[in-house]
PDB file of N, CA and C in Angstrom:
ATOM      1  N   MET A   1      19.819  -1.090  -1.027  1.00  0.00           N
ATOM      2  CA  MET A   1      19.125   0.177  -0.995  1.00  0.00           C
ATOM      3  C   MET A   1      17.930   0.027  -0.046  1.00  0.00           C
ATOM      4  N   THR A   2      17.721   1.020   0.812  1.00  0.00           N
ATOM      5  CA  THR A   2      16.648   0.913   1.799  1.00  0.00           C
ATOM      6  C   THR A   2      15.611   2.026   1.705  1.00  0.00           C
ATOM      7  N   ASP A   3      15.852   3.029   0.869  1.00  0.00           N
ATOM      8  CA  ASP A   3      14.911   4.139   0.750  1.00  0.00           C
ATOM      9  C   ASP A   3      14.341   4.203  -0.668  1.00  0.00           C
ATOM     10  N   PHE A   4      13.056   3.977  -0.769  1.00  0.00           N
ATOM     11  CA  PHE A   4      12.364   3.931  -2.052  1.00  0.00           C
ATOM     12  C   PHE A   4      12.521   5.233  -2.841  1.00  0.00           C
ATOM     13  N   THR A   5      12.632   6.359  -2.158  1.00  0.00           N
ATOM     14  CA  THR A   5      12.709   7.649  -2.846  1.00  0.00           C
ATOM     15  C   THR A   5      13.998   7.820  -3.645  1.00  0.00           C
ATOM     16  N   HIS A   6      14.984   6.966  -3.441  1.00  0.00           N
ATOM     17  CA  HIS A   6      16.234   7.056  -4.200  1.00  0.00           C
ATOM     18  C   HIS A   6      16.149   6.399  -5.572  1.00  0.00           C
ATOM     19  N   LEU A   7      15.069   5.699  -5.836  1.00  0.00           N
ATOM     20  CA  LEU A   7      14.918   5.045  -7.136  1.00  0.00           C
ATOM     21  C   LEU A   7      14.421   6.023  -8.192  1.00  0.00           C
ATOM     22  N   ASP A   8      14.901   5.857  -9.402  1.00  0.00           N
ATOM     23  CA  ASP A   8      14.424   6.630 -10.550  1.00  0.00           C
ATOM     24  C   ASP A   8      13.284   5.833 -11.180  1.00  0.00           C
ATOM     25  N   LEU A   9      12.067   6.349 -11.072  1.00  0.00           N
ATOM     26  CA  LEU A   9      10.897   5.619 -11.555  1.00  0.00           C
ATOM     27  C   LEU A   9      10.833   5.545 -13.075  1.00  0.00           C
ATOM     28  N   ASN A  10      11.652   6.319 -13.749  1.00  0.00           N
ATOM     29  CA  ASN A  10      11.685   6.286 -15.216  1.00  0.00           C
ATOM     30  C   ASN A  10      12.678   5.257 -15.746  1.00  0.00           C
ATOM     31  N   LYS A  11      13.517   4.740 -14.862  1.00  0.00           N
ATOM     32  CA  LYS A  11      14.541   3.770 -15.253  1.00  0.00           C
ATOM     33  C   LYS A  11      13.935   2.372 -15.331  1.00  0.00           C
ATOM     34  N   SER A  12      14.558   1.516 -16.098  1.00  0.00           N
ATOM     35  CA  SER A  12      14.161   0.112 -16.185  1.00  0.00           C
ATOM     36  C   SER A  12      15.089  -0.691 -15.282  1.00  0.00           C
ATOM     37  N   TYR A  13      14.515  -1.549 -14.415  1.00  0.00           N
ATOM     38  CA  TYR A  13      15.286  -2.318 -13.448  1.00  0.00           C
ATOM     39  C   TYR A  13      15.201  -3.813 -13.755  1.00  0.00           C
ATOM     40  N   THR A  14      16.142  -4.556 -13.213  1.00  0.00           N
ATOM     41  CA  THR A  14      16.180  -6.006 -13.402  1.00  0.00           C
ATOM     42  C   THR A  14      15.793  -6.703 -12.102  1.00  0.00           C
ATOM     43  N   TYR A  15      15.585  -8.001 -12.206  1.00  0.00           N
ATOM     44  CA  TYR A  15      15.291  -8.789 -11.016  1.00  0.00           C
ATOM     45  C   TYR A  15      16.489  -8.773 -10.057  1.00  0.00           C
ATOM     46  N   ALA A  16      17.682  -8.725 -10.594  1.00  0.00           N
ATOM     47  CA  ALA A  16      18.885  -8.628  -9.753  1.00  0.00           C
ATOM     48  C   ALA A  16      18.862  -7.337  -8.932  1.00  0.00           C
ATOM     49  N   ASP A  17      18.417  -6.234  -9.538  1.00  0.00           N
ATOM     50  CA  ASP A  17      18.253  -4.977  -8.798  1.00  0.00           C
ATOM     51  C   ASP A  17      17.227  -5.165  -7.679  1.00  0.00           C
ATOM     52  N   TYR A  18      16.105  -5.751  -8.030  1.00  0.00           N
ATOM     53  CA  TYR A  18      15.001  -5.961  -7.092  1.00  0.00           C
ATOM     54  C   TYR A  18      15.464  -6.732  -5.854  1.00  0.00           C
ATOM     55  N   LEU A  19      16.318  -7.710  -6.053  1.00  0.00           N
ATOM     56  CA  LEU A  19      16.786  -8.524  -4.927  1.00  0.00           C
ATOM     57  C   LEU A  19      17.660  -7.752  -3.945  1.00  0.00           C
ATOM     58  N   THR A  20      18.197  -6.627  -4.357  1.00  0.00           N
ATOM     59  CA  THR A  20      19.050  -5.826  -3.467  1.00  0.00           C
ATOM     60  C   THR A  20      18.263  -4.798  -2.660  1.00  0.00           C
ATOM     61  N   TRP A  21      16.987  -4.602  -2.982  1.00  0.00           N
ATOM     62  CA  TRP A  21      16.188  -3.587  -2.303  1.00  0.00           C
ATOM     63  C   TRP A  21      15.663  -4.098  -0.976  1.00  0.00           C
ATOM     64  N   ARG A  22      15.674  -3.238   0.026  1.00  0.00           N
ATOM     65  CA  ARG A  22      15.163  -3.556   1.357  1.00  0.00           C
ATOM     66  C   ARG A  22      14.230  -2.438   1.805  1.00  0.00           C
ATOM     67  N   PHE A  23      13.064  -2.353   1.163  1.00  0.00           N
ATOM     68  CA  PHE A  23      12.116  -1.275   1.438  1.00  0.00           C
ATOM     69  C   PHE A  23      11.013  -1.739   2.373  1.00  0.00           C
ATOM     70  N   GLN A  24      10.428  -0.790   3.103  1.00  0.00           N
ATOM     71  CA  GLN A  24       9.237  -1.069   3.899  1.00  0.00           C
ATOM     72  C   GLN A  24       8.021  -1.223   2.976  1.00  0.00           C
ATOM     73  N   GLU A  25       7.980  -0.443   1.901  1.00  0.00           N
ATOM     74  CA  GLU A  25       6.866  -0.496   0.946  1.00  0.00           C
ATOM     75  C   GLU A  25       6.907  -1.796   0.159  1.00  0.00           C
ATOM     76  N   ARG A  26       5.751  -2.258  -0.234  1.00  0.00           N
ATOM     77  CA  ARG A  26       5.670  -3.427  -1.113  1.00  0.00           C
ATOM     78  C   ARG A  26       5.723  -2.926  -2.550  1.00  0.00           C
ATOM     79  N   LEU A  27       6.623  -3.521  -3.314  1.00  0.00           N
ATOM     80  CA  LEU A  27       6.808  -3.119  -4.707  1.00  0.00           C
ATOM     81  C   LEU A  27       6.671  -4.323  -5.619  1.00  0.00           C
ATOM     82  N   GLU A  28       6.285  -4.039  -6.848  1.00  0.00           N
ATOM     83  CA  GLU A  28       6.290  -5.062  -7.896  1.00  0.00           C
ATOM     84  C   GLU A  28       7.201  -4.566  -9.005  1.00  0.00           C
ATOM     85  N   LEU A  29       7.862  -5.487  -9.641  1.00  0.00           N
ATOM     86  CA  LEU A  29       8.692  -5.175 -10.793  1.00  0.00           C
ATOM     87  C   LEU A  29       8.079  -5.906 -11.980  1.00  0.00           C
ATOM     88  N   ILE A  30       7.512  -5.135 -12.914  1.00  0.00           N
ATOM     89  CA  ILE A  30       6.838  -5.710 -14.074  1.00  0.00           C
ATOM     90  C   ILE A  30       7.478  -5.137 -15.333  1.00  0.00           C
ATOM     91  N   LYS A  31       8.070  -6.023 -16.112  1.00  0.00           N
ATOM     92  CA  LYS A  31       8.757  -5.626 -17.343  1.00  0.00           C
ATOM     93  C   LYS A  31       9.730  -4.482 -17.100  1.00  0.00           C
ATOM     94  N   GLY A  32      10.454  -4.554 -15.975  1.00  0.00           N
ATOM     95  CA  GLY A  32      11.484  -3.577 -15.665  1.00  0.00           C
ATOM     96  C   GLY A  32      11.002  -2.315 -14.976  1.00  0.00           C
ATOM     97  N   LYS A  33       9.699  -2.135 -14.845  1.00  0.00           N
ATOM     98  CA  LYS A  33       9.149  -0.932 -14.233  1.00  0.00           C
ATOM     99  C   LYS A  33       8.676  -1.225 -12.813  1.00  0.00           C
ATOM    100  N   ILE A  34       8.791  -0.230 -11.942  1.00  0.00           N
ATOM    101  CA  ILE A  34       8.426  -0.369 -10.538  1.00  0.00           C
ATOM    102  C   ILE A  34       6.997   0.088 -10.322  1.00  0.00           C
ATOM    103  N   PHE A  35       6.242  -0.710  -9.578  1.00  0.00           N
ATOM    104  CA  PHE A  35       4.883  -0.363  -9.203  1.00  0.00           C
ATOM    105  C   PHE A  35       4.748  -0.524  -7.698  1.00  0.00           C
ATOM    106  N   ILE A  36       4.223   0.506  -7.045  1.00  0.00           N
ATOM    107  CA  ILE A  36       4.013   0.442  -5.606  1.00  0.00           C
ATOM    108  C   ILE A  36       2.669  -0.229  -5.357  1.00  0.00           C
ATOM    109  N   MET A  37       2.683  -1.239  -4.508  1.00  0.00           N
ATOM    110  CA  MET A  37       1.443  -1.947  -4.166  1.00  0.00           C
ATOM    111  C   MET A  37       0.870  -1.327  -2.899  1.00  0.00           C
ATOM    112  N   ASN A  38      -0.442  -1.081  -2.909  1.00  0.00           N
ATOM    113  CA  ASN A  38      -1.059  -0.688  -1.656  1.00  0.00           C
ATOM    114  C   ASN A  38      -1.505  -1.947  -0.921  1.00  0.00           C
ATOM    115  N   ARG A  39      -1.942  -1.816   0.298  1.00  0.00           N
ATOM    116  CA  ARG A  39      -2.291  -2.971   1.128  1.00  0.00           C
ATOM    117  C   ARG A  39      -3.394  -3.812   0.490  1.00  0.00           C
ATOM    118  N   ASN A  40      -4.384  -3.182  -0.113  1.00  0.00           N
ATOM    119  CA  ASN A  40      -5.492  -3.921  -0.727  1.00  0.00           C
ATOM    120  C   ASN A  40      -5.016  -4.763  -1.904  1.00  0.00           C
ATOM    121  N   GLN A  41      -4.123  -4.242  -2.727  1.00  0.00           N
ATOM    122  CA  GLN A  41      -3.586  -5.007  -3.847  1.00  0.00           C
ATOM    123  C   GLN A  41      -2.832  -6.220  -3.340  1.00  0.00           C
ATOM    124  N   PHE A  42      -2.047  -6.034  -2.282  1.00  0.00           N
ATOM    125  CA  PHE A  42      -1.273  -7.129  -1.725  1.00  0.00           C
ATOM    126  C   PHE A  42      -2.191  -8.222  -1.191  1.00  0.00           C
ATOM    127  N   LEU A  43      -3.219  -7.833  -0.455  1.00  0.00           N
ATOM    128  CA  LEU A  43      -4.148  -8.815   0.103  1.00  0.00           C
ATOM    129  C   LEU A  43      -4.882  -9.565  -1.005  1.00  0.00           C
ATOM    130  N   LEU A  44      -5.285  -8.858  -2.052  1.00  0.00           N
ATOM    131  CA  LEU A  44      -5.966  -9.491  -3.177  1.00  0.00           C
ATOM    132  C   LEU A  44      -5.052 -10.506  -3.850  1.00  0.00           C
ATOM    133  N   LYS A  45      -3.784 -10.155  -4.059  1.00  0.00           N
ATOM    134  CA  LYS A  45      -2.845 -11.102  -4.662  1.00  0.00           C
ATOM    135  C   LYS A  45      -2.668 -12.338  -3.800  1.00  0.00           C
ATOM    136  N   CYS A  46      -2.627 -12.161  -2.486  1.00  0.00           N
ATOM    137  CA  CYS A  46      -2.479 -13.298  -1.568  1.00  0.00           C
ATOM    138  C   CYS A  46      -3.668 -14.226  -1.699  1.00  0.00           C
ATOM    139  N   VAL A  47      -4.865 -13.669  -1.773  1.00  0.00           N
ATOM    140  CA  VAL A  47      -6.077 -14.488  -1.897  1.00  0.00           C
ATOM    141  C   VAL A  47      -6.083 -15.215  -3.234  1.00  0.00           C
ATOM    142  N   ILE A  48      -5.753 -14.516  -4.304  1.00  0.00           N
ATOM    143  CA  ILE A  48      -5.775 -15.117  -5.638  1.00  0.00           C
ATOM    144  C   ILE A  48      -4.737 -16.237  -5.748  1.00  0.00           C
ATOM    145  N   THR A  49      -3.538 -15.988  -5.249  1.00  0.00           N
ATOM    146  CA  THR A  49      -2.492 -17.009  -5.389  1.00  0.00           C
ATOM    147  C   THR A  49      -2.687 -18.184  -4.443  1.00  0.00           C
ATOM    148  N   SER A  50      -3.436 -17.981  -3.363  1.00  0.00           N
ATOM    149  CA  SER A  50      -3.674 -19.088  -2.435  1.00  0.00           C
ATOM    150  C   SER A  50      -4.874 -19.946  -2.866  1.00  0.00           C
ATOM    151  N   GLY A  51      -5.622 -19.434  -3.845  1.00  0.00           N
ATOM    152  CA  GLY A  51      -6.765 -20.192  -4.355  1.00  0.00           C
ATOM    153  C   GLY A  51      -8.019 -20.072  -3.511  1.00  0.00           C
ATOM    154  N   LEU A  52      -8.062 -19.066  -2.631  1.00  0.00           N
ATOM    155  CA  LEU A  52      -9.270 -18.880  -1.815  1.00  0.00           C
ATOM    156  C   LEU A  52     -10.341 -18.149  -2.548  1.00  0.00           C
TER     157      LEU A  52
END
C-alpha cells in the first residue's frame, strides 16, 4: 500500500501490515493503532534513541 489515505484509522493493524506499507509520511504503530509523526517528533526520537 502506498497511499496513507486508504487506511482505516479506526481499524487495528499488526506489525505484518506495517511492513507492507510504503508511505512518504512517517507513521508509528502503537498497540495496533496508527499515529502520524510530524518532523519534530521524528527528530526528537532520533536524538533520544541515539543518546544525544
